[in-house]
Protein backbone atom coordinates (compact mmCIF):
# COMPACT_ATOMS: atom_id res chain seq x y z
CA UNK A 1 -28.68 -31.28 -10.40
CA UNK A 2 -25.11 -31.58 -11.63
CA UNK A 3 -22.72 -32.73 -8.92
CA UNK A 4 -20.20 -30.04 -9.77
CA UNK A 5 -22.67 -27.23 -8.98
CA UNK A 6 -23.08 -28.06 -5.27
CA UNK A 7 -20.49 -28.80 -2.63
CA UNK A 8 -22.41 -31.82 -1.33
CA UNK A 9 -22.69 -33.33 -4.80
CA UNK A 10 -19.05 -32.62 -5.50
CA UNK A 11 -17.90 -34.32 -2.27
CA UNK A 12 -20.18 -37.31 -2.94
CA UNK A 13 -18.57 -37.67 -6.37
CA UNK A 14 -15.09 -37.45 -4.81
CA UNK A 15 -15.95 -40.10 -2.20
CA UNK A 16 -17.08 -42.45 -4.97
CA UNK A 17 -13.89 -41.80 -6.92
CA UNK A 18 -11.49 -42.29 -3.97
CA UNK A 19 -13.46 -44.51 -1.55
CA UNK A 20 -10.53 -46.18 0.19
CA UNK A 21 -8.21 -43.20 0.47
CA UNK A 22 -7.79 -41.49 3.84
CA UNK A 23 -9.97 -38.40 4.23
CA UNK A 24 -9.60 -37.40 7.88
CA UNK A 25 -7.27 -38.45 10.67
CA UNK A 26 -7.53 -37.49 14.31
CA UNK A 27 -3.87 -37.41 15.28
CA UNK A 28 -2.76 -40.58 17.02
CA UNK A 29 -6.32 -41.95 17.23
CA UNK A 30 -8.00 -43.08 14.02
CA UNK A 31 -8.39 -42.55 10.27
CA UNK A 32 -11.59 -42.22 8.24
CA UNK A 33 -11.75 -42.94 4.51
CA UNK A 34 -13.69 -40.84 2.00
CA UNK A 35 -16.33 -43.56 1.65
CA UNK A 36 -16.72 -43.87 5.43
CA UNK A 37 -16.91 -40.11 5.83
CA UNK A 38 -19.73 -40.00 3.28
CA UNK A 39 -21.60 -42.72 5.23
CA UNK A 40 -21.17 -40.83 8.51
CA UNK A 41 -22.46 -37.62 6.91
CA UNK A 42 -25.54 -39.35 5.48
CA UNK A 43 -26.25 -41.02 8.84
CA UNK A 44 -25.89 -37.73 10.72
CA UNK A 45 -28.09 -36.00 8.13
CA UNK A 46 -30.84 -38.57 8.74
CA UNK A 47 -30.61 -37.88 12.47
CA UNK A 48 -30.93 -34.15 11.86
CA UNK A 49 -34.07 -34.72 9.80
CA UNK A 50 -35.42 -36.88 12.61
CA UNK A 51 -34.65 -34.10 15.08
CA UNK A 52 -36.83 -31.75 13.02
CA UNK A 53 -34.25 -29.85 10.97
CA UNK A 54 -35.80 -28.58 7.74
CA UNK A 55 -34.33 -27.12 4.55
CA UNK A 56 -33.36 -23.44 4.98
CA UNK A 57 -33.20 -23.74 8.79
CA UNK A 58 -30.05 -22.21 10.27
CA UNK A 59 -28.15 -24.60 12.52
CA UNK A 60 -25.39 -23.16 14.72
CA UNK A 61 -22.40 -25.35 15.59
CA UNK A 62 -19.75 -24.71 18.24
CA UNK A 63 -16.93 -27.24 18.61
CA UNK A 64 -13.15 -27.38 18.76
CA UNK A 65 -11.49 -28.69 15.56
CA UNK A 66 -12.95 -32.20 15.87
CA UNK A 67 -14.29 -34.78 13.46
CA UNK A 68 -17.74 -34.22 14.96
CA UNK A 69 -17.63 -30.64 13.68
CA UNK A 70 -16.64 -31.79 10.19
CA UNK A 71 -19.37 -34.43 10.01
CA UNK A 72 -22.12 -32.23 11.44
CA UNK A 73 -21.21 -29.23 9.27
CA UNK A 74 -21.49 -31.36 6.13
CA UNK A 75 -24.62 -33.10 7.43
CA UNK A 76 -26.36 -29.78 8.04
CA UNK A 77 -25.79 -28.59 4.48
CA UNK A 78 -26.70 -32.07 3.17
CA UNK A 79 -30.25 -31.67 4.51
CA UNK A 80 -30.56 -28.31 2.75
CA UNK A 81 -30.09 -26.32 5.94
CA UNK A 82 -27.56 -23.54 6.63
CA UNK A 83 -24.55 -24.19 8.88
CA UNK A 84 -23.40 -21.34 11.14
CA UNK A 85 -20.15 -22.40 12.86
CA UNK A 86 -19.25 -20.32 15.92
CA UNK A 87 -16.10 -19.80 17.98
CA UNK A 88 -16.41 -21.96 21.10
CA UNK A 89 -14.52 -19.28 23.09
CA UNK A 90 -17.27 -16.67 22.69
CA UNK A 91 -18.84 -15.17 25.80
CA UNK A 92 -22.51 -15.80 26.54
CA UNK A 93 -23.32 -12.28 25.26
CA UNK A 94 -21.46 -12.95 22.00
CA UNK A 95 -23.25 -16.27 21.50
CA UNK A 96 -26.53 -14.49 22.12
CA UNK A 97 -25.76 -11.97 19.37
CA UNK A 98 -24.66 -14.56 16.79
CA UNK A 99 -27.48 -17.02 17.51
CA UNK A 100 -30.01 -14.20 17.31
CA UNK A 101 -28.55 -12.48 14.24
CA UNK A 102 -28.34 -15.75 12.30
CA UNK A 103 -31.87 -16.74 13.43
CA UNK A 104 -30.57 -20.17 14.41
CA UNK A 105 -33.21 -22.85 14.96
CA UNK A 106 -30.85 -25.33 16.63
CA UNK A 107 -27.49 -25.37 18.40
CA UNK A 108 -25.15 -28.35 18.04
CA UNK A 109 -22.45 -28.65 20.71
CA UNK A 110 -19.68 -31.06 21.71
CA UNK A 111 -20.62 -33.80 24.20
CA UNK A 112 -18.68 -32.01 26.98
CA UNK A 113 -20.94 -28.99 26.52
CA UNK A 114 -20.28 -25.25 26.35
CA UNK A 115 -21.66 -23.29 29.28
CA UNK A 116 -21.70 -19.88 27.57
CA UNK A 117 -23.32 -21.19 24.39
CA UNK A 118 -25.90 -23.20 26.28
CA UNK A 119 -26.82 -20.23 28.49
CA UNK A 120 -27.35 -18.04 25.42
CA UNK A 121 -29.38 -20.73 23.62
CA UNK A 122 -31.55 -21.28 26.70
CA UNK A 123 -32.23 -17.55 26.97
CA UNK A 124 -33.26 -17.44 23.29
CA UNK A 125 -35.23 -20.72 23.47
CA UNK A 126 -32.98 -22.33 20.87
CA UNK A 127 -32.95 -26.14 21.25
CA UNK A 128 -29.55 -27.75 21.93
CA UNK A 129 -28.19 -31.14 20.93
CA UNK A 130 -24.85 -32.62 21.95
CA UNK A 131 -22.95 -34.65 19.37
CA UNK A 132 -20.61 -37.57 19.91
CA UNK A 133 -18.63 -40.04 17.81
CA UNK A 134 -17.86 -42.74 20.38
CA UNK A 135 -15.45 -44.86 18.31
CA UNK A 136 -13.84 -44.65 14.91
CA UNK A 137 -16.00 -47.45 13.53
CA UNK A 138 -19.34 -46.35 14.97
CA UNK A 139 -21.95 -43.87 13.81
CA UNK A 140 -22.14 -40.32 15.02
CA UNK A 141 -24.81 -39.87 17.70
CA UNK A 142 -27.00 -36.95 18.61
CA UNK A 143 -27.73 -36.78 22.33
CA UNK A 144 -30.96 -35.08 23.38
CA UNK A 145 -33.60 -35.47 26.04
CA UNK A 146 -36.19 -37.02 23.74
CA UNK A 147 -35.35 -40.12 21.66
CA UNK A 148 -35.11 -39.54 17.93
CA UNK A 149 -38.03 -40.66 15.80
CA UNK A 150 -37.58 -42.69 12.62
CA UNK A 151 -36.01 -40.44 10.06
CA UNK A 152 -37.08 -39.70 6.54
CA UNK A 153 -34.79 -40.89 3.81
CA UNK A 154 -32.08 -38.30 3.24
CA UNK A 155 -31.65 -39.67 -0.27
CA UNK A 156 -34.88 -37.86 -1.21
CA UNK A 157 -33.38 -34.48 -0.35
CA UNK A 158 -31.95 -32.72 -3.39
CA UNK A 159 -29.39 -29.99 -2.78
CA UNK A 160 -29.59 -27.00 -5.10
CA UNK A 161 -26.75 -24.65 -6.10
CA UNK A 162 -28.75 -21.72 -4.70
CA UNK A 163 -29.16 -23.29 -1.23
CA UNK A 164 -27.57 -21.10 1.44
CA UNK A 165 -25.14 -23.58 2.97
CA UNK A 166 -22.90 -21.44 5.17
CA UNK A 167 -23.57 -18.35 7.28
CA UNK A 168 -20.59 -16.44 8.67
CA UNK A 169 -20.02 -12.99 10.08
CA UNK A 170 -17.37 -10.47 9.14
CA UNK A 171 -14.90 -9.82 11.95
CA UNK A 172 -16.63 -6.63 13.05
CA UNK A 173 -13.56 -4.86 14.48
CA UNK A 174 -14.71 -1.47 13.17
CA UNK A 175 -18.48 -1.86 13.20
CA UNK A 176 -21.28 -4.30 13.91
CA UNK A 177 -20.42 -7.68 12.34
CA UNK A 178 -22.23 -8.24 9.03
CA UNK A 179 -23.87 -11.58 8.24
CA UNK A 180 -22.59 -13.25 5.07
CA UNK A 181 -24.73 -15.99 3.46
CA UNK A 182 -22.80 -18.32 1.12
CA UNK A 183 -24.49 -20.79 -1.20
CA UNK A 184 -23.61 -24.34 -2.21
CA UNK A 185 -22.44 -22.90 -5.53
CA UNK A 186 -20.29 -20.26 -3.80
CA UNK A 187 -18.62 -23.05 -1.79
CA UNK A 188 -17.95 -25.43 -4.67
CA UNK A 189 -16.68 -22.55 -6.85
CA UNK A 190 -14.14 -21.57 -4.21
CA UNK A 191 -13.08 -25.17 -3.57
CA UNK A 192 -12.44 -25.63 -7.28
CA UNK A 193 -10.47 -22.36 -7.45
CA UNK A 194 -8.23 -23.46 -4.57
CA UNK A 195 -7.80 -26.96 -6.01
CA UNK A 196 -6.86 -25.49 -9.37
CA UNK A 197 -4.29 -22.88 -8.32
CA UNK A 198 -2.44 -25.24 -5.94
CA UNK A 199 -2.94 -28.37 -8.07
CA UNK A 200 -4.37 -30.29 -5.10
CA UNK A 201 -4.90 -34.01 -5.75
CA UNK A 202 -5.67 -37.20 -3.85
CA UNK A 203 -1.95 -37.42 -3.04
CA UNK A 204 -1.99 -34.23 -0.98
CA UNK A 205 -2.25 -34.10 2.78
CA UNK A 206 -2.31 -31.27 5.31
CA UNK A 207 -2.61 -30.63 9.04
CA UNK A 208 -5.39 -28.23 10.02
CA UNK A 209 -3.83 -25.24 11.76
CA UNK A 210 -6.70 -22.75 11.81
CA UNK A 211 -10.12 -22.97 13.51
CA UNK A 212 -12.83 -24.43 11.31
CA UNK A 213 -15.37 -21.79 12.31
CA UNK A 214 -13.35 -19.41 10.14
CA UNK A 215 -13.52 -19.34 6.33
CA UNK A 216 -9.72 -19.76 5.89
CA UNK A 217 -9.44 -23.05 7.77
CA UNK A 218 -12.83 -24.33 6.65
CA UNK A 219 -12.56 -23.68 2.91
CA UNK A 220 -8.82 -23.65 2.15
CA UNK A 221 -7.70 -26.25 4.65
CA UNK A 222 -10.57 -28.70 5.02
CA UNK A 223 -13.06 -28.58 2.14
CA UNK A 224 -10.52 -28.09 -0.65
CA UNK A 225 -8.55 -31.09 0.61
CA UNK A 226 -11.66 -33.27 0.77
CA UNK A 227 -12.78 -32.03 -2.65
CA UNK A 228 -9.44 -33.08 -4.14
CA UNK A 229 -9.68 -36.58 -2.64
CA UNK A 230 -6.80 -35.67 -0.35
CA UNK A 231 -6.62 -35.82 3.43
CA UNK A 232 -6.51 -33.64 6.51
CA UNK A 233 -5.24 -34.32 10.01
CA UNK A 234 -6.93 -32.78 13.02
CA UNK A 235 -4.70 -32.25 16.08
CA UNK A 236 -5.62 -34.55 18.97
CA UNK A 237 -6.29 -31.54 21.20
CA UNK A 238 -8.70 -29.97 18.70
CA UNK A 239 -6.50 -26.90 18.33
CA UNK A 240 -3.16 -25.80 16.89
CA UNK A 241 -0.07 -26.63 18.95
CA UNK A 242 3.39 -25.59 17.75
CA UNK A 243 4.94 -28.39 19.80
CA UNK A 244 3.04 -31.17 17.98
CA UNK A 245 2.61 -29.55 14.55
CA UNK A 246 5.73 -30.90 12.81
CA UNK A 247 5.38 -34.41 14.20
CA UNK A 248 1.80 -34.49 12.85
CA UNK A 249 3.03 -33.13 9.51
CA UNK A 250 5.66 -35.88 9.28
CA UNK A 251 3.52 -38.73 10.64
CA UNK A 252 0.70 -38.03 8.17
CA UNK A 253 2.91 -37.29 5.13
CA UNK A 254 1.74 -33.71 4.77
CA UNK A 255 2.58 -31.98 1.50
CA UNK A 256 1.47 -28.43 2.41
CA UNK A 257 -0.17 -26.28 5.04
CA UNK A 258 -2.01 -22.94 5.16
CA UNK A 259 -1.86 -20.43 8.01
CA UNK A 260 -1.95 -16.76 8.98
CA UNK A 261 1.31 -14.82 9.42
CA UNK A 262 1.11 -15.01 13.22
CA UNK A 263 1.15 -18.81 13.10
CA UNK A 264 4.05 -18.77 10.63
CA UNK A 265 5.91 -16.50 13.05
CA UNK A 266 5.24 -18.88 15.96
CA UNK A 267 6.66 -21.77 13.90
CA UNK A 268 9.67 -19.67 12.90
CA UNK A 269 10.36 -18.69 16.53
CA UNK A 270 10.17 -22.34 17.54
CA UNK A 271 12.53 -23.25 14.69
CA UNK A 272 15.07 -20.71 15.97
CA UNK A 273 14.90 -21.92 19.56
CA UNK A 274 14.21 -25.65 19.09
CA UNK A 275 14.59 -26.79 15.46
CA UNK A 276 13.38 -30.18 14.25
CA UNK A 277 16.06 -32.66 13.19
CA UNK A 278 14.42 -32.65 9.74
CA UNK A 279 11.39 -31.05 8.16
CA UNK A 280 9.03 -32.82 5.76
CA UNK A 281 9.44 -32.14 2.05
CA UNK A 282 6.54 -29.82 1.26
CA UNK A 283 5.21 -28.77 -2.15
CA UNK A 284 4.36 -25.32 -0.79
CA UNK A 285 3.43 -23.29 2.28
CA UNK A 286 0.47 -20.93 1.99
CA UNK A 287 -0.09 -17.67 3.85
CA UNK A 288 -3.34 -15.74 3.93
CA UNK A 289 -5.77 -13.57 5.98
CA UNK A 290 -3.18 -10.85 6.73
CA UNK A 291 -0.18 -9.31 4.99
CA UNK A 292 3.00 -11.39 5.13
CA UNK A 293 6.14 -9.28 5.27
CA UNK A 294 8.70 -10.20 2.57
CA UNK A 295 11.36 -10.70 5.28
CA UNK A 296 9.18 -13.30 7.04
CA UNK A 297 8.45 -15.00 3.70
CA UNK A 298 12.16 -15.43 2.98
CA UNK A 299 12.85 -16.71 6.51
CA UNK A 300 10.06 -19.28 6.13
CA UNK A 301 11.44 -20.50 2.81
CA UNK A 302 14.93 -20.76 4.23
CA UNK A 303 13.82 -22.54 7.41
CA UNK A 304 11.36 -25.04 5.92
CA UNK A 305 12.67 -25.48 2.38
CA UNK A 306 9.42 -24.84 0.50
CA UNK A 307 8.01 -22.00 -1.62
CA UNK A 308 5.76 -19.69 0.39
CA UNK A 309 2.72 -18.55 -1.59
CA UNK A 310 0.92 -15.50 -0.26
CA UNK A 311 -2.80 -15.25 -1.03
CA UNK A 312 -5.63 -12.74 -0.60
CA UNK A 313 -9.08 -13.69 0.59
CA UNK A 314 -12.19 -12.62 2.46
CA UNK A 315 -15.39 -14.12 3.78
CA UNK A 316 -17.59 -12.42 1.17
CA UNK A 317 -15.61 -14.15 -1.61
CA UNK A 318 -15.94 -17.57 0.07
CA UNK A 319 -12.26 -17.11 0.90
CA UNK A 320 -9.88 -17.07 -2.11
CA UNK A 321 -9.55 -14.07 -4.42
CA UNK A 322 -5.85 -14.03 -5.41
CA UNK A 323 -2.81 -16.22 -4.99
CA UNK A 324 0.79 -16.38 -6.01
CA UNK A 325 1.27 -19.37 -8.34
CA UNK A 326 3.20 -22.56 -7.75
CA UNK A 327 6.83 -22.22 -8.96
CA UNK A 328 6.16 -24.18 -12.14
CA UNK A 329 3.34 -21.80 -13.07
CA UNK A 330 5.18 -18.51 -12.63
CA UNK A 331 7.12 -16.41 -10.13
CA UNK A 332 5.80 -15.76 -6.66
CA UNK A 333 6.43 -12.14 -5.79
CA UNK A 334 7.23 -11.23 -2.16
CA UNK A 335 5.02 -8.31 -1.18
CA UNK A 336 2.33 -9.28 -3.70
CA UNK A 337 -0.71 -11.46 -3.08
CA UNK A 338 -0.55 -12.87 -6.61
CA UNK A 339 -3.04 -13.01 -9.46
CA UNK A 340 -6.85 -13.26 -9.40
CA UNK A 341 -8.10 -16.85 -9.25
CA UNK A 342 -11.51 -17.84 -10.65
CA UNK A 343 -13.11 -14.40 -10.70
CA UNK A 344 -12.91 -10.99 -12.32
CA UNK A 345 -10.97 -8.31 -10.48
CA UNK A 346 -10.66 -4.58 -11.16
CA UNK A 347 -9.22 -1.53 -9.45
CA UNK A 348 -11.88 1.20 -9.37
CA UNK A 349 -11.72 4.88 -8.43
CA UNK A 350 -14.50 6.50 -6.39
CA UNK A 351 -16.56 7.04 -9.56
CA UNK A 352 -16.40 3.37 -10.58
CA UNK A 353 -13.86 3.92 -13.35
CA UNK A 354 -11.50 0.98 -13.91
CA UNK A 355 -7.87 1.96 -13.32
CA UNK A 356 -4.90 0.86 -15.42
CA UNK A 357 -1.74 -0.99 -14.30
CA UNK A 358 0.06 0.42 -11.24
CA UNK A 359 -2.80 2.84 -10.46
CA UNK A 360 -4.17 2.61 -6.92
CA UNK A 361 -7.85 2.32 -6.14
CA UNK A 362 -10.38 0.07 -4.43
CA UNK A 363 -10.07 -3.65 -5.17
CA UNK A 364 -13.38 -4.93 -6.58
CA UNK A 365 -14.44 -8.42 -7.65
CA UNK A 366 -17.28 -10.38 -9.21
CA UNK A 367 -17.71 -14.08 -9.87
CA UNK A 368 -19.48 -17.31 -8.83
CA UNK A 369 -17.69 -17.43 -5.47
CA UNK A 370 -18.93 -13.98 -4.34
CA UNK A 371 -21.87 -13.62 -1.93
CA UNK A 372 -25.05 -12.11 -3.35
CA UNK A 373 -25.31 -9.75 -0.37
CA UNK A 374 -25.25 -9.31 3.39
CA UNK A 375 -28.21 -10.58 5.40
CA UNK A 376 -30.80 -7.94 6.39
CA UNK A 377 -28.40 -5.08 5.71
CA UNK A 378 -29.57 -2.99 2.74
CA UNK A 379 -27.32 -0.05 3.65
CA UNK A 380 -24.18 -2.22 3.58
CA UNK A 381 -25.31 -3.90 0.36
CA UNK A 382 -25.89 -0.56 -1.35
CA UNK A 383 -22.30 0.57 -0.75
CA UNK A 384 -20.71 -2.87 -1.22
CA UNK A 385 -22.25 -3.62 -4.64
CA UNK A 386 -21.91 -0.31 -6.52
CA UNK A 387 -21.17 -0.20 -10.24
CA UNK A 388 -21.87 -3.96 -10.67
CA UNK A 389 -18.89 -5.02 -8.55
CA UNK A 390 -18.36 -6.17 -4.97
CA UNK A 391 -16.21 -3.61 -3.17
CA UNK A 392 -13.67 -5.20 -0.82
CA UNK A 393 -12.84 -2.07 1.18
CA UNK A 394 -9.15 -2.61 0.37
CA UNK A 395 -6.86 -0.29 -1.58
CA UNK A 396 -4.34 -1.80 -3.98
CA UNK A 397 -3.07 -1.91 -7.53
CA UNK A 398 -2.50 -4.49 -10.26
CA UNK A 399 0.95 -4.37 -11.84
CA UNK A 400 1.59 -4.85 -15.57
CA UNK A 401 1.92 -8.62 -15.05
CA UNK A 402 -1.47 -8.86 -13.32
CA UNK A 403 -0.15 -9.32 -9.77
CA UNK A 404 -2.13 -7.59 -7.03
CA UNK A 405 -0.32 -5.43 -4.47
CA UNK A 406 -2.20 -4.43 -1.31
CA UNK A 407 -1.87 -0.95 0.16
CA UNK A 408 -4.27 -1.48 3.07
CA UNK A 409 -7.84 -1.25 4.28
CA UNK A 410 -9.46 2.03 3.26
CA UNK A 411 -10.39 2.67 6.90
CA UNK A 412 -6.87 1.87 8.13
CA UNK A 413 -4.82 4.05 5.77
CA UNK A 414 -3.09 6.80 7.71
CA UNK A 415 -3.59 10.33 6.36
CA UNK A 416 -0.67 12.36 7.72
CA UNK A 417 -1.06 15.91 6.47
CA UNK A 418 -2.38 14.69 3.11
CA UNK A 419 0.26 11.95 2.74
CA UNK A 420 -1.46 8.55 2.61
CA UNK A 421 0.61 5.96 4.49
CA UNK A 422 0.08 2.22 4.14
CA UNK A 423 0.45 0.62 7.60
CA UNK A 424 1.22 -2.69 5.83
CA UNK A 425 4.38 -1.13 4.39
CA UNK A 426 5.51 0.04 7.83
CA UNK A 427 4.68 -3.36 9.37
CA UNK A 428 6.92 -5.04 6.77
CA UNK A 429 9.88 -2.81 7.62
CA UNK A 430 9.41 -3.32 11.36
CA UNK A 431 9.34 -7.14 11.25
CA UNK A 432 12.36 -7.20 8.93
CA UNK A 433 14.44 -6.25 12.00
CA UNK A 434 15.97 -9.49 13.36
CA UNK A 435 15.10 -8.56 16.97
CA UNK A 436 11.40 -7.85 16.33
CA UNK A 437 8.98 -10.77 16.55
CA UNK A 438 5.68 -9.02 15.77
CA UNK A 439 4.70 -5.44 15.03
CA UNK A 440 1.77 -3.30 13.97
CA UNK A 441 1.61 0.31 12.76
CA UNK A 442 -1.48 2.44 13.31
CA UNK A 443 -2.79 5.98 13.09
CA UNK A 444 -3.66 8.26 16.02
CA UNK A 445 -5.19 11.77 16.04
CA UNK A 446 -2.70 14.62 15.75
CA UNK A 447 -3.33 18.36 16.07
CA UNK A 448 -0.77 19.35 13.45
CA UNK A 449 -1.12 16.63 10.78
CA UNK A 450 -4.64 15.33 11.44
CA UNK A 451 -3.19 11.85 11.92
CA UNK A 452 0.21 10.63 13.04
CA UNK A 453 1.71 7.18 12.78
CA UNK A 454 2.59 5.10 15.87
CA UNK A 455 3.59 1.47 16.22
CA UNK A 456 3.56 -1.34 18.76
CA UNK A 457 6.36 -3.90 18.79
CA UNK A 458 6.88 -7.31 20.41
CA UNK A 459 10.65 -7.93 20.75
CA UNK A 460 12.08 -11.35 20.01
CA UNK A 461 12.70 -13.37 23.16
CA UNK A 462 16.02 -12.47 24.73
CA UNK A 463 16.38 -9.29 22.67
CA UNK A 464 17.55 -6.00 24.21
CA UNK A 465 15.96 -3.81 21.52
CA UNK A 466 14.29 -0.61 22.77
CA UNK A 467 12.17 2.25 21.43
CA UNK A 468 15.17 4.24 20.23
CA UNK A 469 16.56 1.25 18.31
CA UNK A 470 13.21 0.75 16.56
CA UNK A 471 12.90 4.44 15.69
CA UNK A 472 16.47 4.51 14.34
CA UNK A 473 15.84 1.44 12.20
CA UNK A 474 12.68 3.01 10.77
CA UNK A 475 14.54 6.24 9.93
CA UNK A 476 17.06 4.24 7.88
CA UNK A 477 14.42 2.23 6.02
CA UNK A 478 11.41 4.52 5.59
CA UNK A 479 10.73 7.96 4.15
CA UNK A 480 10.71 10.55 6.94
CA UNK A 481 6.92 11.04 6.89
CA UNK A 482 6.36 7.29 7.35
CA UNK A 483 8.53 6.94 10.47
CA UNK A 484 6.40 6.23 13.59
CA UNK A 485 6.32 9.19 15.96
CA UNK A 486 5.93 6.90 18.97
CA UNK A 487 7.09 3.32 19.51
CA UNK A 488 5.43 1.17 22.17
CA UNK A 489 7.14 -2.00 23.39
CA UNK A 490 4.67 -4.69 24.46
CA UNK A 491 4.52 -8.42 25.09
CA UNK A 492 1.11 -9.01 23.51
CA UNK A 493 -1.13 -7.71 20.74
CA UNK A 494 -4.89 -8.21 20.36
CA UNK A 495 -5.65 -10.81 17.71
CA UNK A 496 -8.65 -12.49 16.17
CA UNK A 497 -9.30 -16.16 16.85
CA UNK A 498 -7.23 -17.01 13.77
CA UNK A 499 -4.21 -15.03 14.94
CA UNK A 500 -4.68 -11.91 12.81
CA UNK A 501 -3.50 -8.75 14.60
CA UNK A 502 -6.44 -6.37 15.10
CA UNK A 503 -4.96 -3.08 13.97
CA UNK A 504 -8.08 -1.09 14.73
CA UNK A 505 -8.14 -2.35 18.32
CA UNK A 506 -4.51 -1.35 18.80
CA UNK A 507 -5.39 2.05 17.40
CA UNK A 508 -8.45 2.48 19.60
CA UNK A 509 -8.29 6.23 19.93
CA UNK A 510 -10.50 6.57 22.97
CA UNK A 511 -8.30 4.15 24.90
CA UNK A 512 -5.11 5.96 23.93
CA UNK A 513 -6.57 9.39 24.66
CA UNK A 514 -8.15 8.42 27.98
CA UNK A 515 -5.05 6.65 29.27
CA UNK A 516 -2.02 8.75 28.24
CA UNK A 517 -0.05 7.77 31.32
CA UNK A 518 -0.47 4.03 30.91
CA UNK A 519 1.94 1.88 28.97
CA UNK A 520 0.37 0.58 25.78
CA UNK A 521 0.96 -3.01 26.85
CA UNK A 522 -1.47 -2.52 29.76
CA UNK A 523 -4.11 -1.14 27.39
CA UNK A 524 -3.54 -3.97 24.94
CA UNK A 525 -3.70 -6.54 27.72
CA UNK A 526 -7.13 -5.24 28.74
CA UNK A 527 -8.36 -5.25 25.15
CA UNK A 528 -7.00 -8.72 24.63
CA UNK A 529 -8.91 -10.08 27.60
CA UNK A 530 -12.08 -8.56 26.20
CA UNK A 531 -11.61 -9.96 22.69
CA UNK A 532 -10.59 -13.59 23.49
CA UNK A 533 -7.85 -14.95 21.33
CA UNK A 534 -8.83 -18.61 21.52
CA UNK A 535 -5.31 -19.70 22.30
CA UNK A 536 -3.51 -18.12 19.34
């Protein structure tokens, strides 16, 4: 086995190359070098073998963003098993679905426990083990009712590129979540793509902003940093906090960070109300997982003095598909998600014919980072892998310079009397208003046009903006058929655990039709409680 064909081999090689460099810090507590991290992973892997974990077993993990999660995730894939990280804020019913759908053989939890996860695991007869790392210089421990037997030598276990290392689910906002198996080779391919496009080296450092049960934080933030010999800092609380973010960035000499637009907006709002005396000198800021409005991009660059590089990614591609380049490698275009990185990309029409520059169609990809197919879902695989390409479900076009421009999800495009409206375009206009903090456009049924466009808006704190102001602004900046017919003012929007606004939830037609007399913010508040935002 060549080390560069598996993630575990690649990280082992990196640890040998940069043994004394910092790999992980827990803010204000302790640092772990690459060599020490490798030792901790090997030790934890031996304990997993002793606990009965076998190659190809699925092991679920639910933790905050802690070093225990990092070590156990890498230990699970080191023994040839499949790691299935889960959001610790799930309900018992959600844990039951994900544990069952992934066919997990074991659940690893933090030492303080997780009542909902444990209840679900008990119901499904899935064994549970708590994990602890008592001190920075001690070994990770697995706590279970029966003492661990002597373990086999982990050194005998050979990881193969085809080993399924990671099992995640799509977000499932429009249908049942689909299970996505990703191999060791998928993971290392994506890590190398990210390292390459951002020129990550052992001198780079970042603070983890996003949850590590999600592909964005896990691959782009954590694994790419470790693969480059660089370092990551985990917040002391185990989750993102705007109040401590910049002090962590400065204290740990961060050179970049990656986040979703909602997090960028939170940092911008804090900058406007309570700016830092100075911001660290960053090589770049990265934005991904949702469209970043050009107005927000320019505000970020002005506030924090670094180029903002928008990227395009999805779980099925092991995260990265496209990115704007670093300044020295070419222009970064506001409103574009950049050029394909490490894979083939084409725009196809419904007959599978490749479209030329500036022609819209479905964005399709193929390459070593792309999943081979959804788990136990032949119907989804049949539609997703037509014509020899993976179909993303997104509409867009490649310009003559090879930059990708997103129009929107196929299912989210608004068809108003035959006019196709991109909600992303309307979002961008809305948030360009200085008194609007967040906004989302969506389609609703309409007797005359089939669909009509509405929007929900969160005003900036202290703003006096109202529905008429928003409508007037849209009329000045959008073609008449793209202007939202109704504007709803709200103080919250339903988001995923990573902070991505859930457009389809906002547009839930049954809710809007059943409750015409209610203010949208009351509907959204109810939806938000149901969906759990995990603090973002």
